[in-house]
Every structure is written in C-alpha cells, then in structure tokens.
C-alpha cells in the first residue's frame, strides 16, 4: 500500500515538474529577462535607444506581426512610458531606460485584438 502511494506521489510530482519546465523557466536568448503570459514567452532586452521584446510560442520565435502596445517602466518613484511598435522580429520601445530593479509592464494587443499584460523585473 505504501509503495503504491509513494509511486503515485512521485508520478504526480514528475508531471508537475515537467509542466513547470514546459511553461516557465525559459532561458533568455537575447541577454534579457524572460516572462510568460497567455502561453507565450516574452524576453525584455535593454537596447541603446530603449527596449525590445522578443516573443516565443512554445520555444519557437514568433513574429509580432500586427501587435502593438505600451511599455511602462517604474524605477523607484520614476515612471516612463513608450509605445511598442513592430521592428522586424521584435517589438521596440524608444526612450525608456531599463535600470536594475525596475518593474516593467508591457500592455500588448495582438492582431486579433486580444489584450496581453506581461510583467518583468529587470535584473
């Protein structure tokens, strides 16, 4: 009886850990910070002119065609905002600075008019 219970517990934990790996814990591919929302992966990367967001769908790069949005950066008491626009294989926001510890919110709208909110903490 105990061995069946133990086997069931181990199986349950292995399913949970696989699910966590499949939907989270992704490694940054562009040197940024990774977050997930709406079953998509988002990587926020600082650029010399602002910030970029790369999008992945189950580990595969996804072009942000038709997407738009706004990036809000909270760095202590300082708040800055910029429009996110499609720039090739990513979304770009110009004029924001990503300092360590800053909280960042990307409010996105897909081409199908679905709203997605993604939250990041800059490292």
PDB file of N, CA and C in Angstrom:
ATOM      1  N   UNK A   1       0.824  -1.189   0.000  1.00  0.00           N
ATOM      2  CA  UNK A   1       0.000   0.000   0.000  1.00  0.00           C
ATOM      3  C   UNK A   1       0.876   1.263   0.000  1.00  0.00           C
ATOM      4  N   UNK A   2       1.907   1.255   0.889  1.00  0.00           N
ATOM      5  CA  UNK A   2       2.785   2.424   0.970  1.00  0.00           C
ATOM      6  C   UNK A   2       3.545   2.627  -0.337  1.00  0.00           C
ATOM      7  N   UNK A   3       3.983   1.538  -0.969  1.00  0.00           N
ATOM      8  CA  UNK A   3       4.749   1.669  -2.212  1.00  0.00           C
ATOM      9  C   UNK A   3       3.873   2.215  -3.343  1.00  0.00           C
ATOM     10  N   UNK A   4       2.588   1.844  -3.377  1.00  0.00           N
ATOM     11  CA  UNK A   4       1.686   2.385  -4.397  1.00  0.00           C
ATOM     12  C   UNK A   4       1.449   3.870  -4.165  1.00  0.00           C
ATOM     13  N   UNK A   5       1.310   4.260  -2.909  1.00  0.00           N
ATOM     14  CA  UNK A   5       1.117   5.669  -2.573  1.00  0.00           C
ATOM     15  C   UNK A   5       2.355   6.475  -2.931  1.00  0.00           C
ATOM     16  N   UNK A   6       3.529   5.935  -2.620  1.00  0.00           N
ATOM     17  CA  UNK A   6       4.783   6.598  -2.948  1.00  0.00           C
ATOM     18  C   UNK A   6       4.942   6.729  -4.462  1.00  0.00           C
ATOM     19  N   UNK A   7       4.627   5.663  -5.196  1.00  0.00           N
ATOM     20  CA  UNK A   7       4.722   5.703  -6.665  1.00  0.00           C
ATOM     21  C   UNK A   7       3.786   6.755  -7.246  1.00  0.00           C
ATOM     22  N   UNK A   8       2.578   6.843  -6.707  1.00  0.00           N
ATOM     23  CA  UNK A   8       1.616   7.848  -7.182  1.00  0.00           C
ATOM     24  C   UNK A   8       2.119   9.255  -6.895  1.00  0.00           C
ATOM     25  N   UNK A   9       2.715   9.455  -5.717  1.00  0.00           N
ATOM     26  CA  UNK A   9       3.245  10.778  -5.359  1.00  0.00           C
ATOM     27  C   UNK A   9       4.398  11.170  -6.271  1.00  0.00           C
ATOM     28  N   UNK A  10       5.312  10.234  -6.535  1.00  0.00           N
ATOM     29  CA  UNK A  10       6.445  10.511  -7.419  1.00  0.00           C
ATOM     30  C   UNK A  10       5.962  10.829  -8.823  1.00  0.00           C
ATOM     31  N   UNK A  11       5.000  10.068  -9.319  1.00  0.00           N
ATOM     32  CA  UNK A  11       4.456  10.314 -10.648  1.00  0.00           C
ATOM     33  C   UNK A  11       3.805  11.691 -10.716  1.00  0.00           C
ATOM     34  N   UNK A  12       3.036  12.033  -9.686  1.00  0.00           N
ATOM     35  CA  UNK A  12       2.384  13.345  -9.652  1.00  0.00           C
ATOM     36  C   UNK A  12       3.386  14.477  -9.649  1.00  0.00           C
ATOM     37  N   UNK A  13       4.455  14.351  -8.862  1.00  0.00           N
ATOM     38  CA  UNK A  13       5.482  15.394  -8.812  1.00  0.00           C
ATOM     39  C   UNK A  13       6.232  15.500 -10.123  1.00  0.00           C
ATOM     40  N   UNK A  14       6.478  14.384 -10.790  1.00  0.00           N
ATOM     41  CA  UNK A  14       7.185  14.443 -12.068  1.00  0.00           C
ATOM     42  C   UNK A  14       6.331  15.140 -13.126  1.00  0.00           C
ATOM     43  N   UNK A  15       5.028  14.925 -13.105  1.00  0.00           N
ATOM     44  CA  UNK A  15       4.139  15.624 -14.037  1.00  0.00           C
ATOM     45  C   UNK A  15       4.156  17.118 -13.753  1.00  0.00           C
ATOM     46  N   UNK A  16       4.107  17.494 -12.482  1.00  0.00           N
ATOM     47  CA  UNK A  16       4.143  18.912 -12.121  1.00  0.00           C
ATOM     48  C   UNK A  16       5.450  19.557 -12.545  1.00  0.00           C
ATOM     49  N   UNK A  17       6.573  18.907 -12.327  1.00  0.00           N
ATOM     50  CA  UNK A  17       7.854  19.499 -12.692  1.00  0.00           C
ATOM     51  C   UNK A  17       7.990  19.601 -14.207  1.00  0.00           C
ATOM     52  N   UNK A  18       7.482  18.611 -14.964  1.00  0.00           N
ATOM     53  CA  UNK A  18       7.518  18.700 -16.427  1.00  0.00           C
ATOM     54  C   UNK A  18       6.682  19.873 -16.903  1.00  0.00           C
ATOM     55  N   UNK A  19       5.495  20.045 -16.329  1.00  0.00           N
ATOM     56  CA  UNK A  19       4.618  21.139 -16.709  1.00  0.00           C
ATOM     57  C   UNK A  19       5.269  22.481 -16.424  1.00  0.00           C
ATOM     58  N   UNK A  20       5.960  22.609 -15.296  1.00  0.00           N
ATOM     59  CA  UNK A  20       6.633  23.866 -14.959  1.00  0.00           C
ATOM     60  C   UNK A  20       7.744  24.158 -15.959  1.00  0.00           C
ATOM     61  N   UNK A  21       8.490  23.122 -16.364  1.00  0.00           N
ATOM     62  CA  UNK A  21       9.546  23.336 -17.338  1.00  0.00           C
ATOM     63  C   UNK A  21       8.985  23.685 -18.709  1.00  0.00           C
ATOM     64  N   UNK A  22       7.857  23.126 -19.058  1.00  0.00           N
ATOM     65  CA  UNK A  22       7.273  23.381 -20.371  1.00  0.00           C
ATOM     66  C   UNK A  22       6.724  24.800 -20.481  1.00  0.00           C
ATOM     67  N   UNK A  23       6.276  25.387 -19.382  1.00  0.00           N
ATOM     68  CA  UNK A  23       5.652  26.703 -19.446  1.00  0.00           C
ATOM     69  C   UNK A  23       6.427  27.807 -18.749  1.00  0.00           C
ATOM     70  N   UNK A  24       7.553  27.519 -18.148  1.00  0.00           N
ATOM     71  CA  UNK A  24       8.282  28.563 -17.451  1.00  0.00           C
ATOM     72  C   UNK A  24       9.741  28.201 -17.342  1.00  0.00           C
ATOM     73  N   UNK A  25      10.496  29.090 -16.748  1.00  0.00           N
ATOM     74  CA  UNK A  25      11.899  28.818 -16.541  1.00  0.00           C
ATOM     75  C   UNK A  25      12.718  28.876 -17.807  1.00  0.00           C
ATOM     76  N   UNK A  26      12.210  29.520 -18.834  1.00  0.00           N
ATOM     77  CA  UNK A  26      12.942  29.618 -20.089  1.00  0.00           C
ATOM     78  C   UNK A  26      14.184  30.480 -19.908  1.00  0.00           C
ATOM     79  N   UNK A  27      15.223  30.118 -20.625  1.00  0.00           N
ATOM     80  CA  UNK A  27      16.472  30.876 -20.570  1.00  0.00           C
ATOM     81  C   UNK A  27      16.412  32.014 -21.590  1.00  0.00           C
ATOM     82  N   UNK A  28      16.925  33.191 -21.224  1.00  0.00           N
ATOM     83  CA  UNK A  28      16.948  34.299 -22.185  1.00  0.00           C
ATOM     84  C   UNK A  28      17.877  33.989 -23.360  1.00  0.00           C
ATOM     85  N   UNK A  29      17.425  34.313 -24.550  1.00  0.00           N
ATOM     86  CA  UNK A  29      18.224  34.069 -25.755  1.00  0.00           C
ATOM     87  C   UNK A  29      18.889  35.338 -26.264  1.00  0.00           C
ATOM     88  N   UNK A  30      18.469  36.494 -25.717  1.00  0.00           N
ATOM     89  CA  UNK A  30      18.997  37.773 -26.191  1.00  0.00           C
ATOM     90  C   UNK A  30      19.620  38.580 -25.056  1.00  0.00           C
ATOM     91  N   UNK A  31      19.871  37.916 -23.907  1.00  0.00           N
ATOM     92  CA  UNK A  31      20.503  38.595 -22.781  1.00  0.00           C
ATOM     93  C   UNK A  31      19.560  39.396 -21.906  1.00  0.00           C
ATOM     94  N   UNK A  32      18.262  39.146 -22.013  1.00  0.00           N
ATOM     95  CA  UNK A  32      17.280  39.924 -21.260  1.00  0.00           C
ATOM     96  C   UNK A  32      16.649  39.162 -20.118  1.00  0.00           C
ATOM     97  N   UNK A  33      15.425  39.552 -19.793  1.00  0.00           N
ATOM     98  CA  UNK A  33      14.643  38.958 -18.719  1.00  0.00           C
ATOM     99  C   UNK A  33      13.416  38.298 -19.342  1.00  0.00           C
ATOM    100  N   UNK A  34      13.125  37.069 -18.933  1.00  0.00           N
ATOM    101  CA  UNK A  34      12.042  36.292 -19.534  1.00  0.00           C
ATOM    102  C   UNK A  34      10.819  36.246 -18.618  1.00  0.00           C
ATOM    103  N   UNK A  35       9.632  36.361 -19.219  1.00  0.00           N
ATOM    104  CA  UNK A  35       8.362  36.205 -18.508  1.00  0.00           C
ATOM    105  C   UNK A  35       7.396  35.494 -19.445  1.00  0.00           C
ATOM    106  N   UNK A  36       6.338  34.901 -18.871  1.00  0.00           N
ATOM    107  CA  UNK A  36       5.331  34.241 -19.688  1.00  0.00           C
ATOM    108  C   UNK A  36       3.961  34.850 -19.421  1.00  0.00           C
ATOM    109  N   UNK A  37       3.132  34.826 -20.445  1.00  0.00           N
ATOM    110  CA  UNK A  37       1.744  35.280 -20.348  1.00  0.00           C
ATOM    111  C   UNK A  37       0.993  34.720 -21.538  1.00  0.00           C
ATOM    112  N   UNK A  38      -0.240  34.295 -21.317  1.00  0.00           N
ATOM    113  CA  UNK A  38      -1.091  33.760 -22.391  1.00  0.00           C
ATOM    114  C   UNK A  38      -0.401  32.657 -23.197  1.00  0.00           C
ATOM    115  N   UNK A  39       0.306  31.773 -22.510  1.00  0.00           N
ATOM    116  CA  UNK A  39       1.020  30.653 -23.140  1.00  0.00           C
ATOM    117  C   UNK A  39       2.101  31.078 -24.124  1.00  0.00           C
ATOM    118  N   UNK A  40       2.590  32.310 -24.002  1.00  0.00           N
ATOM    119  CA  UNK A  40       3.682  32.792 -24.837  1.00  0.00           C
ATOM    120  C   UNK A  40       4.851  33.190 -23.945  1.00  0.00           C
ATOM    121  N   UNK A  41       6.053  33.129 -24.497  1.00  0.00           N
ATOM    122  CA  UNK A  41       7.236  33.584 -23.784  1.00  0.00           C
ATOM    123  C   UNK A  41       7.640  34.953 -24.298  1.00  0.00           C
ATOM    124  N   UNK A  42       8.028  35.837 -23.380  1.00  0.00           N
ATOM    125  CA  UNK A  42       8.428  37.197 -23.733  1.00  0.00           C
ATOM    126  C   UNK A  42       9.790  37.471 -23.115  1.00  0.00           C
ATOM    127  N   UNK A  43      10.696  38.047 -23.899  1.00  0.00           N
ATOM    128  CA  UNK A  43      12.007  38.424 -23.378  1.00  0.00           C
ATOM    129  C   UNK A  43      12.203  39.917 -23.564  1.00  0.00           C
ATOM    130  N   UNK A  44      12.377  40.610 -22.442  1.00  0.00           N
ATOM    131  CA  UNK A  44      12.616  42.054 -22.432  1.00  0.00           C
ATOM    132  C   UNK A  44      14.118  42.289 -22.439  1.00  0.00           C
ATOM    133  N   UNK A  45      14.591  43.093 -23.400  1.00  0.00           N
ATOM    134  CA  UNK A  45      16.014  43.351 -23.567  1.00  0.00           C
ATOM    135  C   UNK A  45      16.241  44.862 -23.650  1.00  0.00           C
ATOM    136  N   UNK A  46      17.193  45.361 -22.879  1.00  0.00           N
ATOM    137  CA  UNK A  46      17.567  46.767 -22.986  1.00  0.00           C
ATOM    138  C   UNK A  46      18.361  46.997 -24.259  1.00  0.00           C
ATOM    139  N   UNK A  47      18.118  48.120 -24.914  1.00  0.00           N
ATOM    140  CA  UNK A  47      18.853  48.486 -26.130  1.00  0.00           C
ATOM    141  C   UNK A  47      19.443  49.881 -25.920  1.00  0.00           C
ATOM    142  N   UNK A  48      20.369  50.303 -26.771  1.00  0.00           N
ATOM    143  CA  UNK A  48      20.937  51.644 -26.620  1.00  0.00           C
ATOM    144  C   UNK A  48      19.890  52.765 -26.705  1.00  0.00           C
ATOM    145  N   UNK A  49      18.780  52.516 -27.416  1.00  0.00           N
ATOM    146  CA  UNK A  49      17.751  53.556 -27.575  1.00  0.00           C
ATOM    147  C   UNK A  49      16.495  53.307 -26.758  1.00  0.00           C
ATOM    148  N   UNK A  50      16.437  52.204 -26.008  1.00  0.00           N
ATOM    149  CA  UNK A  50      15.243  51.906 -25.220  1.00  0.00           C
ATOM    150  C   UNK A  50      15.150  50.446 -24.835  1.00  0.00           C
ATOM    151  N   UNK A  51      14.152  49.747 -25.374  1.00  0.00           N
ATOM    152  CA  UNK A  51      13.936  48.344 -25.024  1.00  0.00           C
ATOM    153  C   UNK A  51      13.330  47.594 -26.198  1.00  0.00           C
ATOM    154  N   UNK A  52      13.526  46.274 -26.185  1.00  0.00           N
ATOM    155  CA  UNK A  52      12.943  45.400 -27.196  1.00  0.00           C
ATOM    156  C   UNK A  52      12.305  44.213 -26.490  1.00  0.00           C
ATOM    157  N   UNK A  53      11.245  43.682 -27.093  1.00  0.00           N
ATOM    158  CA  UNK A  53      10.599  42.472 -26.583  1.00  0.00           C
ATOM    159  C   UNK A  53      10.549  41.450 -27.713  1.00  0.00           C
ATOM    160  N   UNK A  54      11.156  40.286 -27.433  1.00  0.00           N
ATOM    161  CA  UNK A  54      11.107  39.151 -28.351  1.00  0.00           C
ATOM    162  C   UNK A  54      10.030  38.198 -27.843  1.00  0.00           C
ATOM    163  N   UNK A  55       9.310  37.559 -28.758  1.00  0.00           N
ATOM    164  CA  UNK A  55       8.189  36.695 -28.390  1.00  0.00           C
ATOM    165  C   UNK A  55       8.440  35.285 -28.914  1.00  0.00           C
ATOM    166  N   UNK A  56       8.101  34.296 -28.074  1.00  0.00           N
ATOM    167  CA  UNK A  56       8.200  32.893 -28.471  1.00  0.00           C
ATOM    168  C   UNK A  56       6.887  32.189 -28.184  1.00  0.00           C
ATOM    169  N   UNK A  57       6.545  31.266 -29.060  1.00  0.00           N
ATOM    170  CA  UNK A  57       5.376  30.418 -28.873  1.00  0.00           C
ATOM    171  C   UNK A  57       5.885  28.990 -28.720  1.00  0.00           C
ATOM    172  N   UNK A  58       5.855  28.472 -27.499  1.00  0.00           N
ATOM    173  CA  UNK A  58       6.339  27.131 -27.172  1.00  0.00           C
ATOM    174  C   UNK A  58       7.768  26.911 -27.661  1.00  0.00           C
ATOM    175  N   UNK A  59       8.640  27.889 -27.368  1.00  0.00           N
ATOM    176  CA  UNK A  59      10.058  27.766 -27.678  1.00  0.00           C
ATOM    177  C   UNK A  59      10.464  28.168 -29.075  1.00  0.00           C
ATOM    178  N   UNK A  60       9.509  28.523 -29.920  1.00  0.00           N
ATOM    179  CA  UNK A  60       9.833  28.934 -31.289  1.00  0.00           C
ATOM    180  C   UNK A  60       9.585  30.424 -31.445  1.00  0.00           C
ATOM    181  N   UNK A  61      10.532  31.118 -32.077  1.00  0.00           N
ATOM    182  CA  UNK A  61      10.409  32.555 -32.294  1.00  0.00           C
ATOM    183  C   UNK A  61       9.105  32.869 -33.022  1.00  0.00           C
ATOM    184  N   UNK A  62       8.452  33.923 -32.581  1.00  0.00           N
ATOM    185  CA  UNK A  62       7.175  34.325 -33.180  1.00  0.00           C
ATOM    186  C   UNK A  62       7.280  35.783 -33.620  1.00  0.00           C
ATOM    187  N   UNK A  63       6.995  36.054 -34.865  1.00  0.00           N
ATOM    188  CA  UNK A  63       6.998  37.423 -35.355  1.00  0.00           C
ATOM    189  C   UNK A  63       5.805  38.172 -34.746  1.00  0.00           C
ATOM    190  N   UNK A  64       6.005  39.397 -34.267  1.00  0.00           N
ATOM    191  CA  UNK A  64       4.917  40.142 -33.630  1.00  0.00           C
ATOM    192  C   UNK A  64       4.030  40.885 -34.629  1.00  0.00           C
ATOM    193  N   UNK A  65       3.861  40.352 -35.811  1.00  0.00           N
ATOM    194  CA  UNK A  65       3.072  40.981 -36.872  1.00  0.00           C
ATOM    195  C   UNK A  65       1.689  41.383 -36.362  1.00  0.00           C
ATOM    196  N   UNK A  66       1.347  42.645 -36.535  1.00  0.00           N
ATOM    197  CA  UNK A  66       0.035  43.135 -36.133  1.00  0.00           C
ATOM    198  C   UNK A  66      -0.098  43.471 -34.662  1.00  0.00           C
ATOM    199  N   UNK A  67       0.955  43.269 -33.877  1.00  0.00           N
ATOM    200  CA  UNK A  67       0.891  43.584 -32.451  1.00  0.00           C
ATOM    201  C   UNK A  67       1.253  45.045 -32.206  1.00  0.00           C
ATOM    202  N   UNK A  68       0.746  45.572 -31.117  1.00  0.00           N
ATOM    203  CA  UNK A  68       1.093  46.921 -30.683  1.00  0.00           C
ATOM    204  C   UNK A  68       0.968  46.960 -29.169  1.00  0.00           C
ATOM    205  N   UNK A  69       1.326  48.074 -28.580  1.00  0.00           N
ATOM    206  CA  UNK A  69       1.181  48.177 -27.134  1.00  0.00           C
ATOM    207  C   UNK A  69       1.933  49.328 -26.538  1.00  0.00           C
ATOM    208  N   UNK A  70       2.045  49.263 -25.210  1.00  0.00           N
ATOM    209  CA  UNK A  70       2.718  50.308 -24.457  1.00  0.00           C
ATOM    210  C   UNK A  70       3.599  49.650 -23.410  1.00  0.00           C
ATOM    211  N   UNK A  71       4.801  50.203 -23.223  1.00  0.00           N
ATOM    212  CA  UNK A  71       5.725  49.730 -22.210  1.00  0.00           C
ATOM    213  C   UNK A  71       5.793  50.781 -21.108  1.00  0.00           C
ATOM    214  N   UNK A  72       5.564  50.354 -19.877  1.00  0.00           N
ATOM    215  CA  UNK A  72       5.651  51.242 -18.723  1.00  0.00           C
ATOM    216  C   UNK A  72       6.783  50.751 -17.839  1.00  0.00           C
ATOM    217  N   UNK A  73       7.701  51.664 -17.506  1.00  0.00           N
ATOM    218  CA  UNK A  73       8.854  51.339 -16.673  1.00  0.00           C
ATOM    219  C   UNK A  73       8.750  52.123 -15.375  1.00  0.00           C
ATOM    220  N   UNK A  74       8.759  51.397 -14.247  1.00  0.00           N
ATOM    221  CA  UNK A  74       8.735  52.015 -12.918  1.00  0.00           C
ATOM    222  C   UNK A  74      10.083  51.756 -12.265  1.00  0.00           C
ATOM    223  N   UNK A  75      10.851  52.828 -12.101  1.00  0.00           N
ATOM    224  CA  UNK A  75      12.171  52.732 -11.483  1.00  0.00           C
ATOM    225  C   UNK A  75      12.132  53.584 -10.221  1.00  0.00           C
ATOM    226  N   UNK A  76      11.783  52.961  -9.087  1.00  0.00           N
ATOM    227  CA  UNK A  76      11.576  53.719  -7.859  1.00  0.00           C
ATOM    228  C   UNK A  76      10.338  54.593  -8.035  1.00  0.00           C
ATOM    229  N   UNK A  77      10.488  55.892  -7.814  1.00  0.00           N
ATOM    230  CA  UNK A  77       9.371  56.827  -7.978  1.00  0.00           C
ATOM    231  C   UNK A  77       9.269  57.355  -9.406  1.00  0.00           C
ATOM    232  N   UNK A  78      10.234  56.997 -10.241  1.00  0.00           N
ATOM    233  CA  UNK A  78      10.267  57.487 -11.625  1.00  0.00           C
ATOM    234  C   UNK A  78       9.494  56.554 -12.545  1.00  0.00           C
ATOM    235  N   UNK A  79       8.606  57.151 -13.363  1.00  0.00           N
ATOM    236  CA  UNK A  79       7.791  56.377 -14.298  1.00  0.00           C
ATOM    237  C   UNK A  79       8.022  56.899 -15.714  1.00  0.00           C
ATOM    238  N   UNK A  80       8.250  55.975 -16.650  1.00  0.00           N
ATOM    239  CA  UNK A  80       8.356  56.370 -18.053  1.00  0.00           C
ATOM    240  C   UNK A  80       7.542  55.403 -18.898  1.00  0.00           C
ATOM    241  N   UNK A  81       7.032  55.913 -20.007  1.00  0.00           N
ATOM    242  CA  UNK A  81       6.199  55.114 -20.907  1.00  0.00           C
ATOM    243  C   UNK A  81       6.637  55.337 -22.346  1.00  0.00           C
ATOM    244  N   UNK A  82       6.439  54.307 -23.164  1.00  0.00           N
ATOM    245  CA  UNK A  82       6.735  54.414 -24.589  1.00  0.00           C
ATOM    246  C   UNK A  82       5.852  53.438 -25.348  1.00  0.00           C
ATOM    247  N   UNK A  83       5.521  53.800 -26.563  1.00  0.00           N
ATOM    248  CA  UNK A  83       4.741  52.920 -27.431  1.00  0.00           C
ATOM    249  C   UNK A  83       5.623  51.768 -27.899  1.00  0.00           C
ATOM    250  N   UNK A  84       5.038  50.587 -27.989  1.00  0.00           N
ATOM    251  CA  UNK A  84       5.716  49.422 -28.551  1.00  0.00           C
ATOM    252  C   UNK A  84       5.277  49.274 -30.002  1.00  0.00           C
ATOM    253  N   UNK A  85       6.249  49.205 -30.899  1.00  0.00           N
ATOM    254  CA  UNK A  85       5.949  49.055 -32.318  1.00  0.00           C
ATOM    255  C   UNK A  85       6.745  47.881 -32.889  1.00  0.00           C
ATOM    256  N   UNK A  86       6.205  47.266 -33.915  1.00  0.00           N
ATOM    257  CA  UNK A  86       6.872  46.142 -34.568  1.00  0.00           C
ATOM    258  C   UNK A  86       8.127  46.641 -35.275  1.00  0.00           C
ATOM    259  N   UNK A  87       9.243  45.945 -35.025  1.00  0.00           N
ATOM    260  CA  UNK A  87      10.516  46.254 -35.680  1.00  0.00           C
ATOM    261  C   UNK A  87      11.145  44.916 -36.076  1.00  0.00           C
ATOM    262  N   UNK A  88      10.750  44.406 -37.226  1.00  0.00           N
ATOM    263  CA  UNK A  88      11.265  43.115 -37.690  1.00  0.00           C
ATOM    264  C   UNK A  88      10.730  41.969 -36.853  1.00  0.00           C
ATOM    265  N   UNK A  89      11.628  41.271 -36.143  1.00  0.00           N
ATOM    266  CA  UNK A  89      11.246  40.094 -35.366  1.00  0.00           C
ATOM    267  C   UNK A  89      10.959  40.401 -33.896  1.00  0.00           C
ATOM    268  N   UNK A  90      10.773  41.689 -33.570  1.00  0.00           N
ATOM    269  CA  UNK A  90      10.561  42.079 -32.175  1.00  0.00           C
ATOM    270  C   UNK A  90       9.684  43.325 -32.092  1.00  0.00           C
ATOM    271  N   UNK A  91       9.299  43.665 -30.856  1.00  0.00           N
ATOM    272  CA  UNK A  91       8.632  44.933 -30.580  1.00  0.00           C
ATOM    273  C   UNK A  91       9.669  45.862 -29.968  1.00  0.00           C
ATOM    274  N   UNK A  92       9.624  47.144 -30.319  1.00  0.00           N
ATOM    275  CA  UNK A  92      10.583  48.104 -29.776  1.00  0.00           C
ATOM    276  C   UNK A  92       9.879  49.278 -29.121  1.00  0.00           C
ATOM    277  N   UNK A  93      10.491  49.758 -28.031  1.00  0.00           N
ATOM    278  CA  UNK A  93      10.049  50.969 -27.344  1.00  0.00           C
ATOM    279  C   UNK A  93      11.262  51.878 -27.228  1.00  0.00           C
ATOM    280  N   UNK A  94      11.164  53.083 -27.752  1.00  0.00           N
ATOM    281  CA  UNK A  94      12.295  54.016 -27.715  1.00  0.00           C
ATOM    282  C   UNK A  94      12.111  55.020 -26.577  1.00  0.00           C
ATOM    283  N   UNK A  95      13.251  55.414 -25.974  1.00  0.00           N
ATOM    284  CA  UNK A  95      13.232  56.473 -24.967  1.00  0.00           C
ATOM    285  C   UNK A  95      13.025  56.015 -23.533  1.00  0.00           C
ATOM    286  N   UNK A  96      13.038  54.708 -23.269  1.00  0.00           N
ATOM    287  CA  UNK A  96      12.932  54.230 -21.888  1.00  0.00           C
ATOM    288  C   UNK A  96      14.281  53.658 -21.468  1.00  0.00           C
ATOM    289  N   UNK A  97      14.544  53.669 -20.162  1.00  0.00           N
ATOM    290  CA  UNK A  97      15.787  53.114 -19.638  1.00  0.00           C
ATOM    291  C   UNK A  97      15.462  51.998 -18.665  1.00  0.00           C
ATOM    292  N   UNK A  98      16.083  50.845 -18.857  1.00  0.00           N
ATOM    293  CA  UNK A  98      15.853  49.684 -18.002  1.00  0.00           C
ATOM    294  C   UNK A  98      16.983  49.572 -16.983  1.00  0.00           C
ATOM    295  N   UNK A  99      16.765  50.121 -15.798  1.00  0.00           N
ATOM    296  CA  UNK A  99      17.757  50.053 -14.724  1.00  0.00           C
ATOM    297  C   UNK A  99      17.521  48.798 -13.889  1.00  0.00           C
ATOM    298  N   UNK A 100      18.582  48.245 -13.290  1.00  0.00           N
ATOM    299  CA  UNK A 100      18.407  47.075 -12.417  1.00  0.00           C
ATOM    300  C   UNK A 100      17.368  47.349 -11.318  1.00  0.00           C
ATOM    301  N   UNK A 101      16.471  46.383 -11.124  1.00  0.00           N
ATOM    302  CA  UNK A 101      15.423  46.518 -10.117  1.00  0.00           C
ATOM    303  C   UNK A 101      14.148  47.173 -10.619  1.00  0.00           C
ATOM    304  N   UNK A 102      14.181  47.735 -11.813  1.00  0.00           N
ATOM    305  CA  UNK A 102      12.987  48.397 -12.362  1.00  0.00           C
ATOM    306  C   UNK A 102      11.884  47.376 -12.611  1.00  0.00           C
ATOM    307  N   UNK A 103      10.656  47.796 -12.407  1.00  0.00           N
ATOM    308  CA  UNK A 103       9.475  46.983 -12.718  1.00  0.00           C
ATOM    309  C   UNK A 103       8.964  47.461 -14.070  1.00  0.00           C
ATOM    310  N   UNK A 104       8.674  46.514 -14.950  1.00  0.00           N
ATOM    311  CA  UNK A 104       8.251  46.850 -16.309  1.00  0.00           C
ATOM    312  C   UNK A 104       6.964  46.108 -16.624  1.00  0.00           C
ATOM    313  N   UNK A 105       6.010  46.840 -17.208  1.00  0.00           N
ATOM    314  CA  UNK A 105       4.752  46.242 -17.640  1.00  0.00           C
ATOM    315  C   UNK A 105       4.582  46.512 -19.130  1.00  0.00           C
ATOM    316  N   UNK A 106       4.374  45.439 -19.891  1.00  0.00           N
ATOM    317  CA  UNK A 106       4.070  45.570 -21.318  1.00  0.00           C
ATOM    318  C   UNK A 106       2.593  45.254 -21.497  1.00  0.00           C
ATOM    319  N   UNK A 107       1.827  46.252 -21.938  1.00  0.00           N
ATOM    320  CA  UNK A 107       0.409  46.065 -22.240  1.00  0.00           C
ATOM    321  C   UNK A 107       0.308  45.907 -23.751  1.00  0.00           C
ATOM    322  N   UNK A 108       0.048  44.685 -24.200  1.00  0.00           N
ATOM    323  CA  UNK A 108       0.068  44.370 -25.627  1.00  0.00           C
ATOM    324  C   UNK A 108      -1.320  44.082 -26.157  1.00  0.00           C
ATOM    325  N   UNK A 109      -1.482  44.332 -27.453  1.00  0.00           N
ATOM    326  CA  UNK A 109      -2.698  43.957 -28.164  1.00  0.00           C
ATOM    327  C   UNK A 109      -2.275  43.166 -29.392  1.00  0.00           C
ATOM    328  N   UNK A 110      -2.830  41.971 -29.550  1.00  0.00           N
ATOM    329  CA  UNK A 110      -2.486  41.127 -30.697  1.00  0.00           C
ATOM    330  C   UNK A 110      -3.252  41.594 -31.934  1.00  0.00           C
ATOM    331  N   UNK A 111      -2.906  41.010 -33.067  1.00  0.00           N
ATOM    332  CA  UNK A 111      -3.613  41.347 -34.306  1.00  0.00           C
ATOM    333  C   UNK A 111      -5.084  40.943 -34.230  1.00  0.00           C
ATOM    334  N   UNK A 112      -5.411  39.966 -33.361  1.00  0.00           N
ATOM    335  CA  UNK A 112      -6.796  39.531 -33.164  1.00  0.00           C
ATOM    336  C   UNK A 112      -7.497  40.352 -32.074  1.00  0.00           C
ATOM    337  N   UNK A 113      -6.861  41.445 -31.654  1.00  0.00           N
ATOM    338  CA  UNK A 113      -7.389  42.368 -30.641  1.00  0.00           C
ATOM    339  C   UNK A 113      -7.468  41.758 -29.240  1.00  0.00           C
ATOM    340  N   UNK A 114      -6.648  40.735 -28.988  1.00  0.00           N
ATOM    341  CA  UNK A 114      -6.568  40.139 -27.648  1.00  0.00           C
ATOM    342  C   UNK A 114      -5.562  40.940 -26.827  1.00  0.00           C
ATOM    343  N   UNK A 115      -5.932  41.277 -25.594  1.00  0.00           N
ATOM    344  CA  UNK A 115      -5.041  42.011 -24.699  1.00  0.00           C
ATOM    345  C   UNK A 115      -4.186  41.040 -23.899  1.00  0.00           C
ATOM    346  N   UNK A 116      -2.882  41.338 -23.824  1.00  0.00           N
ATOM    347  CA  UNK A 116      -1.943  40.540 -23.040  1.00  0.00           C
ATOM    348  C   UNK A 116      -1.133  41.504 -22.182  1.00  0.00           C
ATOM    349  N   UNK A 117      -1.036  41.229 -20.892  1.00  0.00           N
ATOM    350  CA  UNK A 117      -0.209  42.024 -19.998  1.00  0.00           C
ATOM    351  C   UNK A 117       0.946  41.154 -19.508  1.00  0.00           C
ATOM    352  N   UNK A 118       2.164  41.670 -19.679  1.00  0.00           N
ATOM    353  CA  UNK A 118       3.352  40.930 -19.276  1.00  0.00           C
ATOM    354  C   UNK A 118       4.139  41.790 -18.280  1.00  0.00           C
ATOM    355  N   UNK A 119       4.541  41.177 -17.150  1.00  0.00           N
ATOM    356  CA  UNK A 119       5.288  41.888 -16.110  1.00  0.00           C
ATOM    357  C   UNK A 119       6.708  41.341 -16.005  1.00  0.00           C
ATOM    358  N   UNK A 120       7.659  42.262 -15.905  1.00  0.00           N
ATOM    359  CA  UNK A 120       9.076  41.916 -15.789  1.00  0.00           C
ATOM    360  C   UNK A 120       9.689  42.664 -14.606  1.00  0.00           C
ATOM    361  N   UNK A 121      10.748  42.099 -14.040  1.00  0.00           N
ATOM    362  CA  UNK A 121      11.619  42.812 -13.106  1.00  0.00           C
ATOM    363  C   UNK A 121      13.020  42.748 -13.700  1.00  0.00           C
ATOM    364  N   UNK A 122      13.612  43.911 -13.960  1.00  0.00           N
ATOM    365  CA  UNK A 122      14.927  43.974 -14.579  1.00  0.00           C
ATOM    366  C   UNK A 122      15.981  43.525 -13.575  1.00  0.00           C
ATOM    367  N   UNK A 123      16.905  42.691 -14.020  1.00  0.00           N
ATOM    368  CA  UNK A 123      17.978  42.197 -13.155  1.00  0.00           C
ATOM    369  C   UNK A 123      19.225  43.033 -13.318  1.00  0.00           C
TER     370      UNK A 123
END
